[in-house]
Structures are given as structure tokens and as C-alpha cells.
Amino acid sequence: MKTIVDKILLSNRVAIVTGGHSGIGRGIAEALSQAGAKIVIVGRRTDLGNKVAQEITETNGVDALFIHADITKPEDIEKIVTETMNKFGKIDILVNNAGICHHEDAETVNYENWRKVMDVNLDGLFFLSQAVGKVMIGQKSGSIINISSISDSLVMTPQTQTGYNASKSGVDMVTKCLAYEWAKYNIRVNAISPGYIKSDIWPKIVRADGKSCTEIWLEKIPAGRFGLPEEIGAMALFMASDMASYMTGAVVNIDGGYALT
């Protein structure tokens, strides 16, 4: 009988993490690899992706592979699945972390910018889940973890980001639908909704009325601080592991209490 400690381990499991070379994605890749999972990092930054994969291998003693791919392209989705299967022969965990945000007032958003957000955050997430899901259906097991946002149910301010917020609401519903449809195949599908997590995107944050957005956000967080990528990684590890064997269709906020205000 497995102990609680045994159930958190991911020895010999294979995990794909999109956007796993930076920010929240790297925090998740680190957490899963420290628990013993073999890691496939998917992204578009080749030099950084290869560097992070090498560091994970050297530090955590697991196989790590970088695949240069764009999840908005069907041929690249096929490439991700094919190269992972060729290397490891199975896929146990998929973390759909890749995402983009466009800050602009609703009345001026053009079609191209709207589509860019939807193509990555929602369409790419679904079609990669579909492709990996077919492998997991054949295996009769798997765990898919979608990275949503507390923007799934809140209008975040002072920035304006209608497309991003709408895409994350869609992620939650995709999570629930896949969880329902694929439960019979022993595939669990859950989502994490982070609040403001400090990462390498911080320098690009917009400003509002002379006061930085980060200052405004911090005032609204009961915990009094921003989150860290490793704190999202810890929840992803739990969801991926046997500790969460009866958990599917859940959307979990990790936001320092922001959604309470």
C-alpha cells in the first residue's frame, strides 16, 4: 500500500509542459521533475528552452527534452505528440500553461489581436489536449492540468483585457467538459487559476494614471504579496500525482485571497 509520501512521487512518468521554459511554466516543470517526472518543455524560445531542459536534467536527475513548437499550428501539435512518444513511449501528464495577454480597451481591439489571444489560450489548449488525450485514452490513464486565471470570473483592473478574460473563462469550461467526457478512461482534467504571480513578465507590465499596475494589484491582495511560480508548481504536482486520484473537473484559485475582495 502506498504511503502519502509515495503518492506524491511521479517516478518514470512523462510530463509535457507548454511554456515550460519561463515563469509559471518553469515553476511547474521544476516541481514535476523534482518528484521524478521526465519533462518535455514546449515553447518558441529555442536557446532558453534547451538551457532549461539541460538544467533540469543536471539538477534533478531526470530526462528533459525541449521541443520547439507553436501550439496554434496543427502540424506543431502533431510534432509535440510524435516527438514525445518517440522519446518516451507514453504521455502521463499534460500541463497547458502557454498563454498570452493583450491589454487594450474593448472598443479598439482589432480582429488580429483578439484571434492571437484565443488561438493560444483557448484553441491551442484544446487541440493539444485533444491530441494528447487520444494517447491517454489508449493508455487508459492520464492527468491534464490547464492553467487558467482568476480572470476567468473577475474583471481585473485597472488594465483592460477582454479577450484574455474571455479566453480563461473558456479554459474553465473546456476543463469541465473534458473531465466529464474522459473520466471513463481514467483521465483526470483539472485547472489552476493563479492570481498575480511574480515572474519574468514583470518589467512589461503596463502603468495606469501614473501609478504602476503592480502597486494597484498589491493593495488588493489580502496576503500582502505576489505569488511565486513554485507555489503554482506545488498545486500542479498535487493534481498530477496519485494524491489527487479522486479530483477531476476542479478549478482551484491560488491568489493570496485576491478573489475575496
C-alpha atoms as a PDB file:
ATOM      1  CA  MET A   1       0.000   0.000   0.000  1.00  0.00           C
ATOM      2  CA  LYS A   2       1.338   3.415  -0.997  1.00  0.00           C
ATOM      3  CA  THR A   3       2.017   5.939   1.729  1.00  0.00           C
ATOM      4  CA  ILE A   4       1.002   9.573   1.342  1.00  0.00           C
ATOM      5  CA  VAL A   5       4.608  10.408   0.505  1.00  0.00           C
ATOM      6  CA  ASP A   6       4.707   7.671  -2.140  1.00  0.00           C
ATOM      7  CA  LYS A   7       1.573   9.064  -3.787  1.00  0.00           C
ATOM      8  CA  ILE A   8       3.138  12.454  -4.482  1.00  0.00           C
ATOM      9  CA  LEU A   9       6.019  10.924  -6.423  1.00  0.00           C
ATOM     10  CA  LEU A  10       5.967  10.871 -10.238  1.00  0.00           C
ATOM     11  CA  SER A  11       8.818   8.448 -10.867  1.00  0.00           C
ATOM     12  CA  ASN A  12       9.042   7.391 -14.529  1.00  0.00           C
ATOM     13  CA  ARG A  13       6.021   9.450 -15.544  1.00  0.00           C
ATOM     14  CA  VAL A  14       6.251  11.700 -18.592  1.00  0.00           C
ATOM     15  CA  ALA A  15       5.007  15.276 -18.411  1.00  0.00           C
ATOM     16  CA  ILE A  16       4.576  17.843 -21.190  1.00  0.00           C
ATOM     17  CA  VAL A  17       4.624  21.468 -20.018  1.00  0.00           C
ATOM     18  CA  THR A  18       3.852  24.151 -22.589  1.00  0.00           C
ATOM     19  CA  GLY A  19       5.662  27.393 -21.960  1.00  0.00           C
ATOM     20  CA  GLY A  20       7.785  25.446 -19.509  1.00  0.00           C
ATOM     21  CA  HIS A  21      10.954  27.458 -20.025  1.00  0.00           C
ATOM     22  CA  SER A  22       9.935  30.526 -18.002  1.00  0.00           C
ATOM     23  CA  GLY A  23       7.627  31.952 -15.350  1.00  0.00           C
ATOM     24  CA  ILE A  24       4.830  29.743 -14.046  1.00  0.00           C
ATOM     25  CA  GLY A  25       5.672  27.063 -16.613  1.00  0.00           C
ATOM     26  CA  ARG A  26       9.207  26.698 -15.344  1.00  0.00           C
ATOM     27  CA  GLY A  27       7.964  26.565 -11.764  1.00  0.00           C
ATOM     28  CA  ILE A  28       5.713  23.680 -12.760  1.00  0.00           C
ATOM     29  CA  ALA A  29       8.419  21.878 -14.752  1.00  0.00           C
ATOM     30  CA  GLU A  30      10.769  22.139 -11.771  1.00  0.00           C
ATOM     31  CA  ALA A  31       8.167  20.789  -9.341  1.00  0.00           C
ATOM     32  CA  LEU A  32       7.224  17.810 -11.507  1.00  0.00           C
ATOM     33  CA  SER A  33      10.851  16.952 -12.257  1.00  0.00           C
ATOM     34  CA  GLN A  34      11.811  17.130  -8.570  1.00  0.00           C
ATOM     35  CA  ALA A  35       9.136  14.495  -7.964  1.00  0.00           C
ATOM     36  CA  GLY A  36      10.755  12.257 -10.585  1.00  0.00           C
ATOM     37  CA  ALA A  37       8.850  13.036 -13.798  1.00  0.00           C
ATOM     38  CA  LYS A  38      10.544  13.142 -17.173  1.00  0.00           C
ATOM     39  CA  ILE A  39       9.886  16.565 -18.660  1.00  0.00           C
ATOM     40  CA  VAL A  40       9.065  17.766 -22.159  1.00  0.00           C
ATOM     41  CA  ILE A  41       9.222  21.549 -22.382  1.00  0.00           C
ATOM     42  CA  VAL A  42       7.318  23.055 -25.306  1.00  0.00           C
ATOM     43  CA  GLY A  43       7.900  26.625 -26.429  1.00  0.00           C
ATOM     44  CA  ARG A  44       9.170  29.002 -29.070  1.00  0.00           C
ATOM     45  CA  ARG A  45      12.370  30.226 -27.391  1.00  0.00           C
ATOM     46  CA  THR A  46      14.870  27.603 -28.524  1.00  0.00           C
ATOM     47  CA  ASP A  47      18.008  28.744 -26.704  1.00  0.00           C
ATOM     48  CA  LEU A  48      16.192  29.230 -23.411  1.00  0.00           C
ATOM     49  CA  GLY A  49      14.197  26.010 -23.797  1.00  0.00           C
ATOM     50  CA  ASN A  50      17.307  23.902 -24.357  1.00  0.00           C
ATOM     51  CA  LYS A  51      19.072  25.642 -21.467  1.00  0.00           C
ATOM     52  CA  VAL A  52      16.229  24.976 -19.033  1.00  0.00           C
ATOM     53  CA  ALA A  53      15.901  21.349 -20.145  1.00  0.00           C
ATOM     54  CA  GLN A  54      19.621  20.831 -19.549  1.00  0.00           C
ATOM     55  CA  GLU A  55      19.437  22.477 -16.129  1.00  0.00           C
ATOM     56  CA  ILE A  56      16.512  20.276 -15.097  1.00  0.00           C
ATOM     57  CA  THR A  57      18.395  17.164 -16.153  1.00  0.00           C
ATOM     58  CA  GLU A  58      21.569  18.185 -14.333  1.00  0.00           C
ATOM     59  CA  THR A  59      19.842  19.420 -11.165  1.00  0.00           C
ATOM     60  CA  ASN A  60      17.005  16.935 -10.736  1.00  0.00           C
ATOM     61  CA  GLY A  61      18.461  13.850 -12.403  1.00  0.00           C
ATOM     62  CA  VAL A  62      15.621  13.221 -14.862  1.00  0.00           C
ATOM     63  CA  ASP A  63      15.433  13.182 -18.636  1.00  0.00           C
ATOM     64  CA  ALA A  64      14.272  16.524 -20.026  1.00  0.00           C
ATOM     65  CA  LEU A  65      13.595  17.397 -23.643  1.00  0.00           C
ATOM     66  CA  PHE A  66      12.829  20.718 -25.339  1.00  0.00           C
ATOM     67  CA  ILE A  67      10.558  20.788 -28.386  1.00  0.00           C
ATOM     68  CA  HIS A  68      10.337  23.981 -30.390  1.00  0.00           C
ATOM     69  CA  ALA A  69       6.673  24.301 -31.309  1.00  0.00           C
ATOM     70  CA  ASP A  70       3.793  26.723 -31.711  1.00  0.00           C
ATOM     71  CA  ILE A  71       0.584  25.267 -30.286  1.00  0.00           C
ATOM     72  CA  THR A  72      -1.527  27.372 -32.650  1.00  0.00           C
ATOM     73  CA  LYS A  73      -0.270  25.263 -35.581  1.00  0.00           C
ATOM     74  CA  PRO A  74      -1.825  21.800 -36.108  1.00  0.00           C
ATOM     75  CA  GLU A  75       1.407  20.444 -37.564  1.00  0.00           C
ATOM     76  CA  ASP A  76       3.311  21.533 -34.449  1.00  0.00           C
ATOM     77  CA  ILE A  77       0.762  19.870 -32.171  1.00  0.00           C
ATOM     78  CA  GLU A  78       1.327  16.648 -34.091  1.00  0.00           C
ATOM     79  CA  LYS A  79       5.083  17.203 -33.738  1.00  0.00           C
ATOM     80  CA  ILE A  80       4.808  17.560 -29.951  1.00  0.00           C
ATOM     81  CA  VAL A  81       2.964  14.263 -29.593  1.00  0.00           C
ATOM     82  CA  THR A  82       5.128  12.387 -32.102  1.00  0.00           C
ATOM     83  CA  GLU A  83       8.472  13.504 -30.655  1.00  0.00           C
ATOM     84  CA  THR A  84       7.356  12.841 -27.076  1.00  0.00           C
ATOM     85  CA  MET A  85       6.143   9.355 -27.961  1.00  0.00           C
ATOM     86  CA  ASN A  86       9.311   8.617 -29.944  1.00  0.00           C
ATOM     87  CA  LYS A  87      11.465   9.654 -26.987  1.00  0.00           C
ATOM     88  CA  PHE A  88       9.481   8.281 -24.044  1.00  0.00           C
ATOM     89  CA  GLY A  89       6.774   5.985 -25.434  1.00  0.00           C
ATOM     90  CA  LYS A  90       3.942   7.467 -23.376  1.00  0.00           C
ATOM     91  CA  ILE A  91       2.411  10.690 -22.020  1.00  0.00           C
ATOM     92  CA  ASP A  92       1.168  10.681 -18.441  1.00  0.00           C
ATOM     93  CA  ILE A  93       0.757  14.390 -17.741  1.00  0.00           C
ATOM     94  CA  LEU A  94      -0.051  17.441 -19.857  1.00  0.00           C
ATOM     95  CA  VAL A  95       0.205  20.934 -18.412  1.00  0.00           C
ATOM     96  CA  ASN A  96      -1.348  23.546 -20.694  1.00  0.00           C
ATOM     97  CA  ASN A  97       0.484  26.582 -19.404  1.00  0.00           C
ATOM     98  CA  ALA A  98       1.284  28.595 -22.552  1.00  0.00           C
ATOM     99  CA  GLY A  99      -0.699  31.797 -22.745  1.00  0.00           C
ATOM    100  CA  ILE A 100      -0.618  35.407 -23.883  1.00  0.00           C
ATOM    101  CA  CYS A 101      -2.413  38.584 -22.812  1.00  0.00           C
ATOM    102  CA  HIS A 102      -3.244  41.710 -24.802  1.00  0.00           C
ATOM    103  CA  HIS A 103      -4.078  44.888 -22.868  1.00  0.00           C
ATOM    104  CA  GLU A 104      -6.370  47.181 -24.842  1.00  0.00           C
ATOM    105  CA  ASP A 105      -9.735  48.862 -24.469  1.00  0.00           C
ATOM    106  CA  ALA A 106     -12.573  46.768 -25.890  1.00  0.00           C
ATOM    107  CA  GLU A 107     -13.643  49.395 -28.410  1.00  0.00           C
ATOM    108  CA  THR A 108     -10.262  49.409 -30.130  1.00  0.00           C
ATOM    109  CA  VAL A 109      -9.300  45.706 -30.117  1.00  0.00           C
ATOM    110  CA  ASN A 110      -8.873  44.504 -33.695  1.00  0.00           C
ATOM    111  CA  TYR A 111      -9.615  41.054 -35.051  1.00  0.00           C
ATOM    112  CA  GLU A 112      -5.955  40.063 -35.305  1.00  0.00           C
ATOM    113  CA  ASN A 113      -5.163  40.792 -31.657  1.00  0.00           C
ATOM    114  CA  TRP A 114      -8.353  39.073 -30.478  1.00  0.00           C
ATOM    115  CA  ARG A 115      -7.526  35.970 -32.511  1.00  0.00           C
ATOM    116  CA  LYS A 116      -3.930  35.827 -31.240  1.00  0.00           C
ATOM    117  CA  VAL A 117      -5.169  35.557 -27.660  1.00  0.00           C
ATOM    118  CA  MET A 118      -7.862  32.985 -28.462  1.00  0.00           C
ATOM    119  CA  ASP A 119      -5.568  30.940 -30.709  1.00  0.00           C
ATOM    120  CA  VAL A 120      -3.044  30.391 -27.916  1.00  0.00           C
ATOM    121  CA  ASN A 121      -5.088  30.494 -24.726  1.00  0.00           C
ATOM    122  CA  LEU A 122      -8.137  28.522 -25.824  1.00  0.00           C
ATOM    123  CA  ASP A 123      -7.852  26.929 -29.262  1.00  0.00           C
ATOM    124  CA  GLY A 124      -4.253  25.763 -28.869  1.00  0.00           C
ATOM    125  CA  LEU A 125      -5.006  24.450 -25.399  1.00  0.00           C
ATOM    126  CA  PHE A 126      -7.997  22.459 -26.639  1.00  0.00           C
ATOM    127  CA  PHE A 127      -6.390  20.935 -29.709  1.00  0.00           C
ATOM    128  CA  LEU A 128      -3.216  19.935 -27.854  1.00  0.00           C
ATOM    129  CA  SER A 129      -5.413  18.390 -25.160  1.00  0.00           C
ATOM    130  CA  GLN A 130      -7.317  16.545 -27.871  1.00  0.00           C
ATOM    131  CA  ALA A 131      -4.125  15.164 -29.441  1.00  0.00           C
ATOM    132  CA  VAL A 132      -2.610  14.136 -26.110  1.00  0.00           C
ATOM    133  CA  GLY A 133      -5.995  12.914 -24.915  1.00  0.00           C
ATOM    134  CA  LYS A 134      -6.084  10.349 -27.726  1.00  0.00           C
ATOM    135  CA  VAL A 135      -2.812   8.915 -26.402  1.00  0.00           C
ATOM    136  CA  MET A 136      -4.131   8.906 -22.846  1.00  0.00           C
ATOM    137  CA  ILE A 137      -7.374   7.232 -23.935  1.00  0.00           C
ATOM    138  CA  GLY A 138      -5.281   4.440 -25.418  1.00  0.00           C
ATOM    139  CA  GLN A 139      -3.315   4.177 -22.180  1.00  0.00           C
ATOM    140  CA  LYS A 140      -6.496   4.369 -20.061  1.00  0.00           C
ATOM    141  CA  SER A 141      -4.820   6.922 -17.806  1.00  0.00           C
ATOM    142  CA  GLY A 142      -3.576  10.469 -17.641  1.00  0.00           C
ATOM    143  CA  SER A 143      -3.743  13.849 -15.955  1.00  0.00           C
ATOM    144  CA  ILE A 144      -4.308  17.131 -17.775  1.00  0.00           C
ATOM    145  CA  ILE A 145      -3.768  20.396 -15.915  1.00  0.00           C
ATOM    146  CA  ASN A 146      -4.893  23.652 -17.505  1.00  0.00           C
ATOM    147  CA  ILE A 147      -3.556  26.980 -16.323  1.00  0.00           C
ATOM    148  CA  SER A 148      -6.484  29.347 -16.193  1.00  0.00           C
ATOM    149  CA  SER A 149      -6.565  32.629 -14.233  1.00  0.00           C
ATOM    150  CA  ILE A 150      -8.699  34.376 -11.665  1.00  0.00           C
ATOM    151  CA  SER A 151      -9.586  36.485 -14.709  1.00  0.00           C
ATOM    152  CA  ASP A 152     -11.899  33.572 -15.546  1.00  0.00           C
ATOM    153  CA  SER A 153     -14.538  35.117 -13.282  1.00  0.00           C
ATOM    154  CA  LEU A 154     -13.240  38.577 -12.344  1.00  0.00           C
ATOM    155  CA  VAL A 155     -12.846  41.765 -14.351  1.00  0.00           C
ATOM    156  CA  MET A 156      -9.249  42.560 -13.450  1.00  0.00           C
ATOM    157  CA  THR A 157      -8.404  46.247 -13.056  1.00  0.00           C
ATOM    158  CA  PRO A 158      -7.045  48.768 -13.898  1.00  0.00           C
ATOM    159  CA  GLN A 159      -5.839  47.019 -17.071  1.00  0.00           C
ATOM    160  CA  THR A 160      -8.337  46.226 -19.822  1.00  0.00           C
ATOM    161  CA  GLN A 161      -8.130  42.709 -21.320  1.00  0.00           C
ATOM    162  CA  THR A 162     -11.498  41.461 -22.509  1.00  0.00           C
ATOM    163  CA  GLY A 163     -10.056  38.782 -24.791  1.00  0.00           C
ATOM    164  CA  TYR A 164      -7.785  37.335 -22.115  1.00  0.00           C
ATOM    165  CA  ASN A 165     -10.584  37.210 -19.552  1.00  0.00           C
ATOM    166  CA  ALA A 166     -12.948  35.568 -22.040  1.00  0.00           C
ATOM    167  CA  SER A 167     -10.326  33.005 -23.046  1.00  0.00           C
ATOM    168  CA  LYS A 168      -9.759  31.973 -19.428  1.00  0.00           C
ATOM    169  CA  SER A 169     -13.487  31.533 -18.849  1.00  0.00           C
ATOM    170  CA  GLY A 170     -13.392  29.236 -21.865  1.00  0.00           C
ATOM    171  CA  VAL A 171     -10.475  27.301 -20.374  1.00  0.00           C
ATOM    172  CA  ASP A 172     -12.570  26.539 -17.292  1.00  0.00           C
ATOM    173  CA  MET A 173     -15.433  25.151 -19.358  1.00  0.00           C
ATOM    174  CA  VAL A 174     -13.094  23.081 -21.560  1.00  0.00           C
ATOM    175  CA  THR A 175     -11.613  21.689 -18.331  1.00  0.00           C
ATOM    176  CA  LYS A 176     -15.020  20.638 -17.036  1.00  0.00           C
ATOM    177  CA  CYS A 177     -16.203  19.176 -20.346  1.00  0.00           C
ATOM    178  CA  LEU A 178     -13.051  17.099 -20.857  1.00  0.00           C
ATOM    179  CA  ALA A 179     -13.164  15.956 -17.230  1.00  0.00           C
ATOM    180  CA  TYR A 180     -16.704  14.675 -17.763  1.00  0.00           C
ATOM    181  CA  GLU A 181     -16.092  13.040 -21.141  1.00  0.00           C
ATOM    182  CA  TRP A 182     -12.785  11.391 -20.292  1.00  0.00           C
ATOM    183  CA  ALA A 183     -13.397  10.224 -16.729  1.00  0.00           C
ATOM    184  CA  LYS A 184     -14.400   6.831 -18.119  1.00  0.00           C
ATOM    185  CA  TYR A 185     -10.853   6.477 -19.488  1.00  0.00           C
ATOM    186  CA  ASN A 186      -9.263   7.233 -16.095  1.00  0.00           C
ATOM    187  CA  ILE A 187      -8.137  10.640 -17.341  1.00  0.00           C
ATOM    188  CA  ARG A 188      -8.392  13.476 -14.843  1.00  0.00           C
ATOM    189  CA  VAL A 189      -8.664  17.086 -16.057  1.00  0.00           C
ATOM    190  CA  ASN A 190      -8.292  19.994 -13.636  1.00  0.00           C
ATOM    191  CA  ALA A 191      -7.347  23.665 -13.766  1.00  0.00           C
ATOM    192  CA  ILE A 192      -5.381  26.119 -11.672  1.00  0.00           C
ATOM    193  CA  SER A 193      -6.460  29.774 -11.605  1.00  0.00           C
ATOM    194  CA  PRO A 194      -3.470  31.846 -10.470  1.00  0.00           C
ATOM    195  CA  GLY A 195      -3.706  35.389  -9.244  1.00  0.00           C
ATOM    196  CA  TYR A 196      -0.765  37.715  -9.714  1.00  0.00           C
ATOM    197  CA  ILE A 197       2.396  35.623  -9.852  1.00  0.00           C
ATOM    198  CA  LYS A 198       5.744  37.406  -9.926  1.00  0.00           C
ATOM    199  CA  SER A 199       7.756  36.277 -12.926  1.00  0.00           C
ATOM    200  CA  ASP A 200       9.885  37.489 -15.802  1.00  0.00           C
ATOM    201  CA  ILE A 201       6.949  39.358 -17.385  1.00  0.00           C
ATOM    202  CA  TRP A 202       7.005  41.950 -14.576  1.00  0.00           C
ATOM    203  CA  PRO A 203       9.089  44.568 -16.486  1.00  0.00           C
ATOM    204  CA  LYS A 204       6.480  44.600 -19.284  1.00  0.00           C
ATOM    205  CA  ILE A 205       3.532  45.429 -17.053  1.00  0.00           C
ATOM    206  CA  VAL A 206       1.558  48.497 -18.172  1.00  0.00           C
ATOM    207  CA  ARG A 207       1.037  51.570 -15.984  1.00  0.00           C
ATOM    208  CA  ALA A 208      -2.213  53.363 -15.177  1.00  0.00           C
ATOM    209  CA  ASP A 209      -2.622  57.055 -14.309  1.00  0.00           C
ATOM    210  CA  GLY A 210       0.960  57.444 -13.164  1.00  0.00           C
ATOM    211  CA  LYS A 211       0.715  54.594 -10.659  1.00  0.00           C
ATOM    212  CA  SER A 212       2.093  51.188 -11.588  1.00  0.00           C
ATOM    213  CA  CYS A 213      -0.394  48.368 -12.023  1.00  0.00           C
ATOM    214  CA  THR A 214       1.689  46.257  -9.679  1.00  0.00           C
ATOM    215  CA  GLU A 215       1.161  48.775  -6.873  1.00  0.00           C
ATOM    216  CA  ILE A 216      -2.579  48.812  -7.501  1.00  0.00           C
ATOM    217  CA  TRP A 217      -2.773  44.996  -7.592  1.00  0.00           C
ATOM    218  CA  LEU A 218      -0.776  44.592  -4.404  1.00  0.00           C
ATOM    219  CA  GLU A 219      -3.200  46.807  -2.498  1.00  0.00           C
ATOM    220  CA  LYS A 220      -5.989  44.346  -3.372  1.00  0.00           C
ATOM    221  CA  ILE A 221      -4.237  41.148  -2.247  1.00  0.00           C
ATOM    222  CA  PRO A 222      -5.131  40.179   1.357  1.00  0.00           C
ATOM    223  CA  ALA A 223      -1.929  38.137   1.687  1.00  0.00           C
ATOM    224  CA  GLY A 224       0.038  41.334   1.069  1.00  0.00           C
ATOM    225  CA  ARG A 225       2.364  39.882  -1.551  1.00  0.00           C
ATOM    226  CA  PHE A 226       2.528  38.407  -5.033  1.00  0.00           C
ATOM    227  CA  GLY A 227       2.688  34.671  -5.598  1.00  0.00           C
ATOM    228  CA  LEU A 228       5.693  32.724  -6.823  1.00  0.00           C
ATOM    229  CA  PRO A 229       5.925  30.242  -9.727  1.00  0.00           C
ATOM    230  CA  GLU A 230       6.882  27.429  -7.354  1.00  0.00           C
ATOM    231  CA  GLU A 231       3.603  27.916  -5.474  1.00  0.00           C
ATOM    232  CA  ILE A 232       1.706  27.142  -8.667  1.00  0.00           C
ATOM    233  CA  GLY A 233       4.138  24.280  -9.259  1.00  0.00           C
ATOM    234  CA  ALA A 234       3.181  22.742  -5.920  1.00  0.00           C
ATOM    235  CA  MET A 235      -0.506  22.605  -6.877  1.00  0.00           C
ATOM    236  CA  ALA A 236       0.321  21.230 -10.315  1.00  0.00           C
ATOM    237  CA  LEU A 237       2.365  18.477  -8.654  1.00  0.00           C
ATOM    238  CA  PHE A 238      -0.571  17.612  -6.409  1.00  0.00           C
ATOM    239  CA  MET A 239      -3.009  17.500  -9.340  1.00  0.00           C
ATOM    240  CA  ALA A 240      -0.635  15.389 -11.421  1.00  0.00           C
ATOM    241  CA  SER A 241       0.011  12.867  -8.659  1.00  0.00           C
ATOM    242  CA  ASP A 242      -1.942   9.999  -7.159  1.00  0.00           C
ATOM    243  CA  MET A 243      -2.697  12.299  -4.223  1.00  0.00           C
ATOM    244  CA  ALA A 244      -5.409  13.788  -6.443  1.00  0.00           C
ATOM    245  CA  SER A 245      -6.755  10.479  -7.770  1.00  0.00           C
ATOM    246  CA  TYR A 246     -10.388  11.412  -6.997  1.00  0.00           C
ATOM    247  CA  MET A 247     -10.094  15.001  -8.228  1.00  0.00           C
ATOM    248  CA  THR A 248     -11.356  15.938 -11.685  1.00  0.00           C
ATOM    249  CA  GLY A 249     -13.184  18.910 -13.144  1.00  0.00           C
ATOM    250  CA  ALA A 250     -11.899  21.209 -10.398  1.00  0.00           C
ATOM    251  CA  VAL A 251     -10.772  24.801 -10.890  1.00  0.00           C
ATOM    252  CA  VAL A 252      -8.609  25.949  -7.980  1.00  0.00           C
ATOM    253  CA  ASN A 253      -7.712  29.558  -7.193  1.00  0.00           C
ATOM    254  CA  ILE A 254      -4.209  30.339  -5.930  1.00  0.00           C
ATOM    255  CA  ASP A 255      -4.295  34.097  -5.499  1.00  0.00           C
ATOM    256  CA  GLY A 256      -3.411  35.168  -1.959  1.00  0.00           C
ATOM    257  CA  GLY A 257      -7.081  35.894  -1.397  1.00  0.00           C
ATOM    258  CA  TYR A 258      -7.473  38.406  -4.251  1.00  0.00           C
ATOM    259  CA  ALA A 259     -10.802  36.929  -5.367  1.00  0.00           C
ATOM    260  CA  LEU A 260     -12.209  37.533  -1.889  1.00  0.00           C
ATOM    261  CA  THR A 261     -12.050  41.305  -2.220  1.00  0.00           C
END
